[in-house]
PDB file of N, CA and C in Angstrom:
ATOM      1  N   MET A   1      -5.737   6.400 -10.534  1.00  0.00           N
ATOM      2  CA  MET A   1      -4.288   6.568  -9.425  1.00  0.00           C
ATOM      3  C   MET A   1      -3.938   5.656  -8.787  1.00  0.00           C
ATOM      4  N   ASN A   2      -2.701   4.972  -8.224  1.00  0.00           N
ATOM      5  CA  ASN A   2      -2.411   4.305  -7.335  1.00  0.00           C
ATOM      6  C   ASN A   2      -2.095   4.891  -5.889  1.00  0.00           C
ATOM      7  N   LEU A   3      -2.477   4.488  -5.043  1.00  0.00           N
ATOM      8  CA  LEU A   3      -2.480   5.061  -3.449  1.00  0.00           C
ATOM      9  C   LEU A   3      -1.717   3.910  -2.539  1.00  0.00           C
ATOM     10  N   TYR A   4      -1.102   4.778  -1.582  1.00  0.00           N
ATOM     11  CA  TYR A   4      -0.174   3.883  -1.017  1.00  0.00           C
ATOM     12  C   TYR A   4      -1.035   4.509   0.761  1.00  0.00           C
ATOM     13  N   VAL A   5      -1.348   2.631   1.082  1.00  0.00           N
ATOM     14  CA  VAL A   5      -2.197   3.345   2.463  1.00  0.00           C
ATOM     15  C   VAL A   5      -1.132   2.857   3.427  1.00  0.00           C
ATOM     16  N   SER A   6      -1.207   3.397   4.573  1.00  0.00           N
ATOM     17  CA  SER A   6       0.257   2.628   5.840  1.00  0.00           C
ATOM     18  C   SER A   6      -0.693   3.071   7.003  1.00  0.00           C
ATOM     19  N   ASN A   7       0.021   2.609   7.895  1.00  0.00           N
ATOM     20  CA  ASN A   7      -0.520   2.525   9.130  1.00  0.00           C
ATOM     21  C   ASN A   7      -1.922   1.684   9.292  1.00  0.00           C
ATOM     22  N   LEU A   8      -2.121   0.950   8.587  1.00  0.00           N
ATOM     23  CA  LEU A   8      -3.314  -0.237   8.780  1.00  0.00           C
ATOM     24  C   LEU A   8      -3.147  -1.273   9.673  1.00  0.00           C
ATOM     25  N   SER A   9      -4.301  -1.320  10.176  1.00  0.00           N
ATOM     26  CA  SER A   9      -4.648  -2.748  11.363  1.00  0.00           C
ATOM     27  C   SER A   9      -3.846  -4.144  11.052  1.00  0.00           C
ATOM     28  N   PHE A  10      -3.708  -4.792  11.512  1.00  0.00           N
ATOM     29  CA  PHE A  10      -3.183  -5.948  10.909  1.00  0.00           C
ATOM     30  C   PHE A  10      -4.509  -7.025  10.752  1.00  0.00           C
ATOM     31  N   HIS A  11      -5.421  -6.340  11.099  1.00  0.00           N
ATOM     32  CA  HIS A  11      -6.604  -7.271  10.679  1.00  0.00           C
ATOM     33  C   HIS A  11      -7.502  -6.645   9.420  1.00  0.00           C
ATOM     34  N   VAL A  12      -6.982  -5.727   8.633  1.00  0.00           N
ATOM     35  CA  VAL A  12      -7.466  -5.370   7.415  1.00  0.00           C
ATOM     36  C   VAL A  12      -7.340  -6.217   6.397  1.00  0.00           C
ATOM     37  N   THR A  13      -8.268  -6.158   5.768  1.00  0.00           N
ATOM     38  CA  THR A  13      -7.858  -7.541   4.496  1.00  0.00           C
ATOM     39  C   THR A  13      -8.074  -6.760   3.010  1.00  0.00           C
ATOM     40  N   ASP A  14      -7.667  -7.537   1.887  1.00  0.00           N
ATOM     41  CA  ASP A  14      -7.990  -7.086   0.529  1.00  0.00           C
ATOM     42  C   ASP A  14      -9.417  -6.458   0.591  1.00  0.00           C
ATOM     43  N   GLU A  15     -10.290  -7.065   0.711  1.00  0.00           N
ATOM     44  CA  GLU A  15     -11.395  -6.959   0.817  1.00  0.00           C
ATOM     45  C   GLU A  15     -12.402  -5.782   1.102  1.00  0.00           C
ATOM     46  N   SER A  16     -12.117  -5.803   2.962  1.00  0.00           N
ATOM     47  CA  SER A  16     -12.039  -4.192   3.710  1.00  0.00           C
ATOM     48  C   SER A  16     -11.602  -3.197   3.381  1.00  0.00           C
ATOM     49  N   LEU A  17     -10.064  -3.510   2.480  1.00  0.00           N
ATOM     50  CA  LEU A  17      -9.722  -2.215   2.492  1.00  0.00           C
ATOM     51  C   LEU A  17     -10.304  -1.241   1.041  1.00  0.00           C
ATOM     52  N   LYS A  18     -10.831  -2.215  -0.036  1.00  0.00           N
ATOM     53  CA  LYS A  18     -11.623  -1.698  -1.132  1.00  0.00           C
ATOM     54  C   LYS A  18     -12.982  -1.628  -0.323  1.00  0.00           C
ATOM     55  N   ASP A  19     -13.194  -1.665   0.729  1.00  0.00           N
ATOM     56  CA  ASP A  19     -14.772  -1.438   1.216  1.00  0.00           C
ATOM     57  C   ASP A  19     -14.469  -0.305   1.892  1.00  0.00           C
ATOM     58  N   LEU A  20     -13.338   0.531   2.325  1.00  0.00           N
ATOM     59  CA  LEU A  20     -12.858   1.712   3.004  1.00  0.00           C
ATOM     60  C   LEU A  20     -13.235   2.655   2.060  1.00  0.00           C
ATOM     61  N   PHE A  21     -12.580   2.256   0.643  1.00  0.00           N
ATOM     62  CA  PHE A  21     -12.244   3.473  -0.655  1.00  0.00           C
ATOM     63  C   PHE A  21     -13.473   3.399  -1.437  1.00  0.00           C
ATOM     64  N   SER A  22     -14.531   2.256  -1.429  1.00  0.00           N
ATOM     65  CA  SER A  22     -15.261   2.510  -2.206  1.00  0.00           C
ATOM     66  C   SER A  22     -16.042   3.398  -2.294  1.00  0.00           C
ATOM     67  N   PRO A  23     -16.892   4.260  -1.185  1.00  0.00           N
ATOM     68  CA  PRO A  23     -17.471   5.789  -0.679  1.00  0.00           C
ATOM     69  C   PRO A  23     -16.953   6.592  -1.834  1.00  0.00           C
ATOM     70  N   PHE A  24     -15.978   6.310  -1.814  1.00  0.00           N
ATOM     71  CA  PHE A  24     -14.986   7.616  -2.457  1.00  0.00           C
ATOM     72  C   PHE A  24     -15.185   7.331  -4.154  1.00  0.00           C
ATOM     73  N   GLY A  25     -15.593   6.464  -4.877  1.00  0.00           N
ATOM     74  CA  GLY A  25     -15.751   5.993  -6.387  1.00  0.00           C
ATOM     75  C   GLY A  25     -14.849   4.663  -6.096  1.00  0.00           C
ATOM     76  N   GLU A  26     -14.699   4.123  -7.741  1.00  0.00           N
ATOM     77  CA  GLU A  26     -14.747   2.923  -8.219  1.00  0.00           C
ATOM     78  C   GLU A  26     -13.252   2.378  -7.538  1.00  0.00           C
ATOM     79  N   VAL A  27     -13.056   1.384  -7.138  1.00  0.00           N
ATOM     80  CA  VAL A  27     -11.763   0.906  -6.556  1.00  0.00           C
ATOM     81  C   VAL A  27     -11.481  -0.380  -7.527  1.00  0.00           C
ATOM     82  N   SER A  28     -10.282  -0.280  -8.227  1.00  0.00           N
ATOM     83  CA  SER A  28      -9.978  -1.540  -9.235  1.00  0.00           C
ATOM     84  C   SER A  28      -9.095  -2.185  -8.638  1.00  0.00           C
ATOM     85  N   SER A  29      -8.564  -1.649  -7.446  1.00  0.00           N
ATOM     86  CA  SER A  29      -7.826  -3.166  -6.901  1.00  0.00           C
ATOM     87  C   SER A  29      -7.037  -2.705  -5.499  1.00  0.00           C
ATOM     88  N   SER A  30      -7.446  -3.784  -4.594  1.00  0.00           N
ATOM     89  CA  SER A  30      -6.829  -3.354  -3.656  1.00  0.00           C
ATOM     90  C   SER A  30      -5.946  -4.620  -2.845  1.00  0.00           C
ATOM     91  N   LYS A  31      -4.866  -4.123  -2.493  1.00  0.00           N
ATOM     92  CA  LYS A  31      -3.958  -5.131  -1.895  1.00  0.00           C
ATOM     93  C   LYS A  31      -3.260  -4.684  -0.755  1.00  0.00           C
ATOM     94  N   ILE A  32      -3.508  -6.056   0.301  1.00  0.00           N
ATOM     95  CA  ILE A  32      -2.405  -5.641   1.567  1.00  0.00           C
ATOM     96  C   ILE A  32      -1.481  -6.228   1.584  1.00  0.00           C
ATOM     97  N   ILE A  33      -0.144  -5.950   1.605  1.00  0.00           N
ATOM     98  CA  ILE A  33       1.133  -6.364   1.881  1.00  0.00           C
ATOM     99  C   ILE A  33       1.454  -7.325   2.665  1.00  0.00           C
ATOM    100  N   ILE A  34       1.530  -8.580   2.561  1.00  0.00           N
ATOM    101  CA  ILE A  34       1.827  -9.850   3.590  1.00  0.00           C
ATOM    102  C   ILE A  34       3.375  -9.757   3.863  1.00  0.00           C
ATOM    103  N   ASP A  35       3.748 -10.465   5.049  1.00  0.00           N
ATOM    104  CA  ASP A  35       4.919 -10.642   5.014  1.00  0.00           C
ATOM    105  C   ASP A  35       4.935 -12.279   4.697  1.00  0.00           C
ATOM    106  N   ARG A  36       6.710 -12.766   4.227  1.00  0.00           N
ATOM    107  CA  ARG A  36       6.177 -13.657   3.325  1.00  0.00           C
ATOM    108  C   ARG A  36       6.385 -14.948   4.828  1.00  0.00           C
ATOM    109  N   GLN A  37       7.370 -14.512   5.379  1.00  0.00           N
ATOM    110  CA  GLN A  37       7.654 -15.763   6.787  1.00  0.00           C
ATOM    111  C   GLN A  37       6.523 -15.920   7.599  1.00  0.00           C
ATOM    112  N   SER A  38       5.575 -14.773   8.172  1.00  0.00           N
ATOM    113  CA  SER A  38       4.850 -14.786   8.702  1.00  0.00           C
ATOM    114  C   SER A  38       3.589 -15.360   8.579  1.00  0.00           C
ATOM    115  N   GLY A  39       3.329 -14.641   7.493  1.00  0.00           N
ATOM    116  CA  GLY A  39       1.939 -14.689   6.490  1.00  0.00           C
ATOM    117  C   GLY A  39       0.981 -13.822   7.194  1.00  0.00           C
ATOM    118  N   ARG A  40       1.515 -12.875   7.780  1.00  0.00           N
ATOM    119  CA  ARG A  40       0.603 -11.719   8.817  1.00  0.00           C
ATOM    120  C   ARG A  40       0.736 -10.325   7.446  1.00  0.00           C
ATOM    121  N   SER A  41      -0.303  -9.772   7.918  1.00  0.00           N
ATOM    122  CA  SER A  41      -0.202  -8.222   7.193  1.00  0.00           C
ATOM    123  C   SER A  41       1.105  -7.355   7.654  1.00  0.00           C
ATOM    124  N   ARG A  42       1.449  -6.533   6.417  1.00  0.00           N
ATOM    125  CA  ARG A  42       2.937  -5.876   7.246  1.00  0.00           C
ATOM    126  C   ARG A  42       2.456  -4.293   7.662  1.00  0.00           C
ATOM    127  N   GLY A  43       0.967  -4.324   7.716  1.00  0.00           N
ATOM    128  CA  GLY A  43       0.559  -2.962   7.796  1.00  0.00           C
ATOM    129  C   GLY A  43       0.465  -2.150   6.917  1.00  0.00           C
ATOM    130  N   PHE A  44       0.672  -2.152   5.579  1.00  0.00           N
ATOM    131  CA  PHE A  44       0.325  -1.255   4.155  1.00  0.00           C
ATOM    132  C   PHE A  44      -0.216  -2.093   3.319  1.00  0.00           C
ATOM    133  N   GLY A  45      -0.733  -1.319   2.474  1.00  0.00           N
ATOM    134  CA  GLY A  45      -1.044  -2.087   1.233  1.00  0.00           C
ATOM    135  C   GLY A  45      -1.496  -0.676   0.230  1.00  0.00           C
ATOM    136  N   PHE A  46      -2.184  -1.190  -1.150  1.00  0.00           N
ATOM    137  CA  PHE A  46      -2.312  -0.233  -1.990  1.00  0.00           C
ATOM    138  C   PHE A  46      -3.454  -0.149  -2.651  1.00  0.00           C
ATOM    139  N   VAL A  47      -3.879   0.864  -3.319  1.00  0.00           N
ATOM    140  CA  VAL A  47      -5.412   0.835  -3.325  1.00  0.00           C
ATOM    141  C   VAL A  47      -5.190   1.551  -5.210  1.00  0.00           C
ATOM    142  N   GLU A  48      -5.895   0.632  -5.920  1.00  0.00           N
ATOM    143  CA  GLU A  48      -5.956   1.241  -7.391  1.00  0.00           C
ATOM    144  C   GLU A  48      -7.361   2.130  -7.899  1.00  0.00           C
ATOM    145  N   MET A  49      -7.583   3.389  -7.756  1.00  0.00           N
ATOM    146  CA  MET A  49      -8.597   4.297  -8.241  1.00  0.00           C
ATOM    147  C   MET A  49      -8.269   4.675  -9.600  1.00  0.00           C
ATOM    148  N   PRO A  50      -9.301   4.346 -10.719  1.00  0.00           N
ATOM    149  CA  PRO A  50      -9.065   4.641 -11.941  1.00  0.00           C
ATOM    150  C   PRO A  50      -9.320   6.062 -12.146  1.00  0.00           C
ATOM    151  N   ASP A  51     -10.077   6.836 -11.597  1.00  0.00           N
ATOM    152  CA  ASP A  51     -10.858   8.145 -11.576  1.00  0.00           C
ATOM    153  C   ASP A  51      -9.886   9.193 -10.585  1.00  0.00           C
ATOM    154  N   ASP A  52      -9.095   9.843 -11.114  1.00  0.00           N
ATOM    155  CA  ASP A  52      -7.914  11.062 -10.135  1.00  0.00           C
ATOM    156  C   ASP A  52      -8.559  11.413  -9.259  1.00  0.00           C
ATOM    157  N   ASN A  53      -9.750  12.130  -9.607  1.00  0.00           N
ATOM    158  CA  ASN A  53     -11.066  13.111  -8.846  1.00  0.00           C
ATOM    159  C   ASN A  53     -11.061  12.235  -7.592  1.00  0.00           C
ATOM    160  N   SER A  54     -11.650  10.895  -7.946  1.00  0.00           N
ATOM    161  CA  SER A  54     -12.280  10.355  -6.577  1.00  0.00           C
ATOM    162  C   SER A  54     -11.063   9.742  -5.581  1.00  0.00           C
ATOM    163  N   ALA A  55      -9.749   9.331  -6.431  1.00  0.00           N
ATOM    164  CA  ALA A  55      -8.595   9.192  -5.394  1.00  0.00           C
ATOM    165  C   ALA A  55      -8.284  10.141  -4.736  1.00  0.00           C
ATOM    166  N   GLU A  56      -8.629  11.255  -5.143  1.00  0.00           N
ATOM    167  CA  GLU A  56      -8.231  12.483  -4.689  1.00  0.00           C
ATOM    168  C   GLU A  56      -9.069  12.941  -3.447  1.00  0.00           C
ATOM    169  N   LYS A  57     -10.110  12.795  -3.551  1.00  0.00           N
ATOM    170  CA  LYS A  57     -11.480  12.800  -2.303  1.00  0.00           C
ATOM    171  C   LYS A  57     -11.110  11.501  -1.501  1.00  0.00           C
ATOM    172  N   ALA A  58     -10.527  10.410  -1.763  1.00  0.00           N
ATOM    173  CA  ALA A  58     -10.597   9.536  -0.800  1.00  0.00           C
ATOM    174  C   ALA A  58      -9.008   9.935   0.096  1.00  0.00           C
ATOM    175  N   ILE A  59      -7.859  10.643  -0.398  1.00  0.00           N
ATOM    176  CA  ILE A  59      -7.110  10.838   0.261  1.00  0.00           C
ATOM    177  C   ILE A  59      -7.300  12.031   1.104  1.00  0.00           C
ATOM    178  N   GLN A  60      -8.472  13.050   0.854  1.00  0.00           N
ATOM    179  CA  GLN A  60      -8.557  13.881   1.510  1.00  0.00           C
ATOM    180  C   GLN A  60      -9.658  13.070   2.967  1.00  0.00           C
ATOM    181  N   GLY A  61     -10.440  12.258   2.618  1.00  0.00           N
ATOM    182  CA  GLY A  61     -11.307  11.800   3.555  1.00  0.00           C
ATOM    183  C   GLY A  61     -10.702  10.666   4.275  1.00  0.00           C
ATOM    184  N   LEU A  62      -9.683   9.906   3.825  1.00  0.00           N
ATOM    185  CA  LEU A  62      -9.392   8.991   5.114  1.00  0.00           C
ATOM    186  C   LEU A  62      -7.630   9.385   5.458  1.00  0.00           C
ATOM    187  N   ASN A  63      -7.137  10.029   4.923  1.00  0.00           N
ATOM    188  CA  ASN A  63      -5.611  10.355   5.132  1.00  0.00           C
ATOM    189  C   ASN A  63      -5.648  11.107   6.979  1.00  0.00           C
ATOM    190  N   GLY A  64      -5.131  10.475   7.903  1.00  0.00           N
ATOM    191  CA  GLY A  64      -5.319  10.958   9.340  1.00  0.00           C
ATOM    192  C   GLY A  64      -6.750  10.299   9.885  1.00  0.00           C
ATOM    193  N   LYS A  65      -7.673   9.505   9.320  1.00  0.00           N
ATOM    194  CA  LYS A  65      -8.912   8.927   9.685  1.00  0.00           C
ATOM    195  C   LYS A  65      -8.604   7.961  10.905  1.00  0.00           C
ATOM    196  N   GLU A  66      -9.345   7.674  11.613  1.00  0.00           N
ATOM    197  CA  GLU A  66      -8.617   6.723  12.752  1.00  0.00           C
ATOM    198  C   GLU A  66      -9.680   5.398  12.400  1.00  0.00           C
ATOM    199  N   ILE A  67      -8.711   4.512  12.182  1.00  0.00           N
ATOM    200  CA  ILE A  67      -9.248   3.143  11.653  1.00  0.00           C
ATOM    201  C   ILE A  67      -8.901   2.018  12.515  1.00  0.00           C
ATOM    202  N   ASP A  68      -9.875   1.272  13.241  1.00  0.00           N
ATOM    203  CA  ASP A  68      -9.349   0.058  14.401  1.00  0.00           C
ATOM    204  C   ASP A  68      -8.216   0.891  15.116  1.00  0.00           C
ATOM    205  N   GLY A  69      -8.356   1.875  15.820  1.00  0.00           N
ATOM    206  CA  GLY A  69      -7.491   2.495  16.307  1.00  0.00           C
ATOM    207  C   GLY A  69      -6.102   2.999  16.138  1.00  0.00           C
ATOM    208  N   ARG A  70      -6.086   3.191  14.731  1.00  0.00           N
ATOM    209  CA  ARG A  70      -4.516   3.673  13.708  1.00  0.00           C
ATOM    210  C   ARG A  70      -5.073   4.990  13.081  1.00  0.00           C
ATOM    211  N   ALA A  71      -4.384   5.650  13.235  1.00  0.00           N
ATOM    212  CA  ALA A  71      -4.395   6.761  12.139  1.00  0.00           C
ATOM    213  C   ALA A  71      -3.973   6.556  10.839  1.00  0.00           C
ATOM    214  N   LEU A  72      -5.001   6.406   9.651  1.00  0.00           N
ATOM    215  CA  LEU A  72      -4.277   5.975   8.039  1.00  0.00           C
ATOM    216  C   LEU A  72      -3.300   7.151   8.155  1.00  0.00           C
ATOM    217  N   SER A  73      -2.526   6.821   6.550  1.00  0.00           N
ATOM    218  CA  SER A  73      -2.030   7.112   6.260  1.00  0.00           C
ATOM    219  C   SER A  73      -2.272   7.406   4.738  1.00  0.00           C
ATOM    220  N   VAL A  74      -2.795   8.227   4.256  1.00  0.00           N
ATOM    221  CA  VAL A  74      -2.857   7.429   2.923  1.00  0.00           C
ATOM    222  C   VAL A  74      -2.461   9.032   2.018  1.00  0.00           C
ATOM    223  N   THR A  75      -1.571   8.338   0.695  1.00  0.00           N
ATOM    224  CA  THR A  75      -0.764   9.127  -0.164  1.00  0.00           C
ATOM    225  C   THR A  75      -0.696   8.467  -1.775  1.00  0.00           C
ATOM    226  N   VAL A  76      -0.318   9.315  -2.546  1.00  0.00           N
ATOM    227  CA  VAL A  76      -0.151   8.636  -3.774  1.00  0.00           C
ATOM    228  C   VAL A  76       1.006   7.958  -3.855  1.00  0.00           C
ATOM    229  N   ALA A  77       0.925   6.683  -4.628  1.00  0.00           N
ATOM    230  CA  ALA A  77       1.717   5.882  -4.505  1.00  0.00           C
ATOM    231  C   ALA A  77       3.467   6.483  -5.437  1.00  0.00           C
ATOM    232  N   ARG A  78       4.611   6.099  -4.934  1.00  0.00           N
ATOM    233  CA  ARG A  78       5.473   6.234  -5.946  1.00  0.00           C
ATOM    234  C   ARG A  78       5.878   5.298  -6.673  1.00  0.00           C
ATOM    235  N   PRO A  79       6.141   5.402  -7.734  1.00  0.00           N
ATOM    236  CA  PRO A  79       6.792   4.108  -8.651  1.00  0.00           C
ATOM    237  C   PRO A  79       8.103   3.488  -7.833  1.00  0.00           C
ATOM    238  N   ARG A  80       7.928   2.185  -7.978  1.00  0.00           N
ATOM    239  CA  ARG A  80       8.875   0.968  -7.461  1.00  0.00           C
ATOM    240  C   ARG A  80      10.025   1.469  -8.154  1.00  0.00           C
ATOM    241  N   GLU A  81      10.832   1.053  -7.325  1.00  0.00           N
ATOM    242  CA  GLU A  81      12.496   1.318  -7.662  1.00  0.00           C
ATOM    243  C   GLU A  81      12.787  -0.079  -8.179  1.00  0.00           C
ATOM    244  N   GLN A  82      13.940   0.024  -8.954  1.00  0.00           N
ATOM    245  CA  GLN A  82      14.506  -0.801  -9.569  1.00  0.00           C
ATOM    246  C   GLN A  82      15.366  -1.498  -8.630  1.00  0.00           C
ATOM    247  N   ARG A  83      15.147  -2.700  -8.597  1.00  0.00           N
ATOM    248  CA  ARG A  83      16.643  -3.483  -7.301  1.00  0.00           C
ATOM    249  C   ARG A  83      17.200  -4.416  -8.060  1.00  0.00           C
ATOM    250  N   SER A  84      18.552  -4.202  -8.086  1.00  0.00           N
ATOM    251  CA  SER A  84      19.172  -4.972  -8.733  1.00  0.00           C
ATOM    252  C   SER A  84      19.443  -6.575  -8.465  1.00  0.00           C
ATOM    253  N   GLY A  85      19.734  -7.286  -9.145  1.00  0.00           N
ATOM    254  CA  GLY A  85      19.233  -9.015  -9.312  1.00  0.00           C
ATOM    255  C   GLY A  85      20.290  -9.710  -8.406  1.00  0.00           C
ATOM    256  N   GLY A  86      21.491  -9.139  -8.069  1.00  0.00           N
ATOM    257  CA  GLY A  86      22.362 -10.395  -7.131  1.00  0.00           C
ATOM    258  C   GLY A  86      22.418  -9.637  -5.776  1.00  0.00           C
ATOM    259  N   SER A  87      23.212 -10.574  -4.976  1.00  0.00           N
ATOM    260  CA  SER A  87      23.750  -9.759  -3.748  1.00  0.00           C
ATOM    261  C   SER A  87      24.362  -8.831  -3.780  1.00  0.00           C
ATOM    262  N   SER A  88      25.083  -8.282  -2.675  1.00  0.00           N
ATOM    263  CA  SER A  88      26.181  -6.788  -3.126  1.00  0.00           C
ATOM    264  C   SER A  88      27.423  -7.785  -3.057  1.00  0.00           C
ATOM    265  N   PHE A  89      27.641  -8.892  -2.166  1.00  0.00           N
ATOM    266  CA  PHE A  89      28.971  -9.752  -2.337  1.00  0.00           C
ATOM    267  C   PHE A  89      29.363  -9.946  -3.686  1.00  0.00           C
ATOM    268  N   SER A  90      28.380 -10.415  -4.185  1.00  0.00           N
ATOM    269  CA  SER A  90      28.688 -11.234  -5.581  1.00  0.00           C
ATOM    270  C   SER A  90      29.148 -10.141  -6.739  1.00  0.00           C
ATOM    271  N   GLN A  91      28.739  -8.870  -6.658  1.00  0.00           N
ATOM    272  CA  GLN A  91      28.655  -7.473  -7.288  1.00  0.00           C
ATOM    273  C   GLN A  91      30.197  -6.919  -7.029  1.00  0.00           C
ATOM    274  N   ASN A  92      30.404  -7.475  -6.089  1.00  0.00           N
ATOM    275  CA  ASN A  92      31.926  -6.451  -5.447  1.00  0.00           C
ATOM    276  C   ASN A  92      32.844  -7.571  -5.278  1.00  0.00           C
ATOM    277  N   LYS A  93      32.723  -8.627  -5.440  1.00  0.00           N
ATOM    278  CA  LYS A  93      33.943  -9.870  -5.482  1.00  0.00           C
ATOM    279  C   LYS A  93      35.103  -8.972  -5.913  1.00  0.00           C
ATOM    280  N   ARG A  94      36.023  -9.576  -5.171  1.00  0.00           N
ATOM    281  CA  ARG A  94      37.732  -9.290  -5.943  1.00  0.00           C
ATOM    282  C   ARG A  94      37.801 -10.066  -6.783  1.00  0.00           C
ATOM    283  N   ARG A  95      38.691 -10.050  -7.839  1.00  0.00           N
ATOM    284  CA  ARG A  95      39.405 -10.929  -8.452  1.00  0.00           C
ATOM    285  C   ARG A  95      40.782 -11.112  -8.160  1.00  0.00           C
ATOM    286  N   TRP A  96      41.230 -12.444  -7.597  1.00  0.00           N
ATOM    287  CA  TRP A  96      42.573 -12.473  -7.398  1.00  0.00           C
ATOM    288  C   TRP A  96      43.500 -13.176  -8.324  1.00  0.00           C
TER     289      TRP A  96
END
C-alpha cells in the first residue's frame, strides 16, 4: 500500500521517514518530495508498505502523531492524475 505523509518537518529525510514507519512492518520505499528550485523538502512524502495490514497499523499509529513539533497526516495515497503535455496557451491558441 502506498501512503501519503504530509505536514513533515523540513529536516525529515528518506531514511528517517523509513525509520519512522519500520516499527509497523516492512517498508519497501520511502521518498521525501524535494522542491526543484530550492532543493529543500516540500514537507510531504510517500511510504510504500507491501503488507496492507501493516500499512493500516501505521496509519492508525502515526496519523496525528506529533513529530518535531508537527502533527503528521498519514493517509492512503491517491493514484497520480494524468497531466497534459503542453501549456494551456499552445492547446488553446486560435488559428487566424
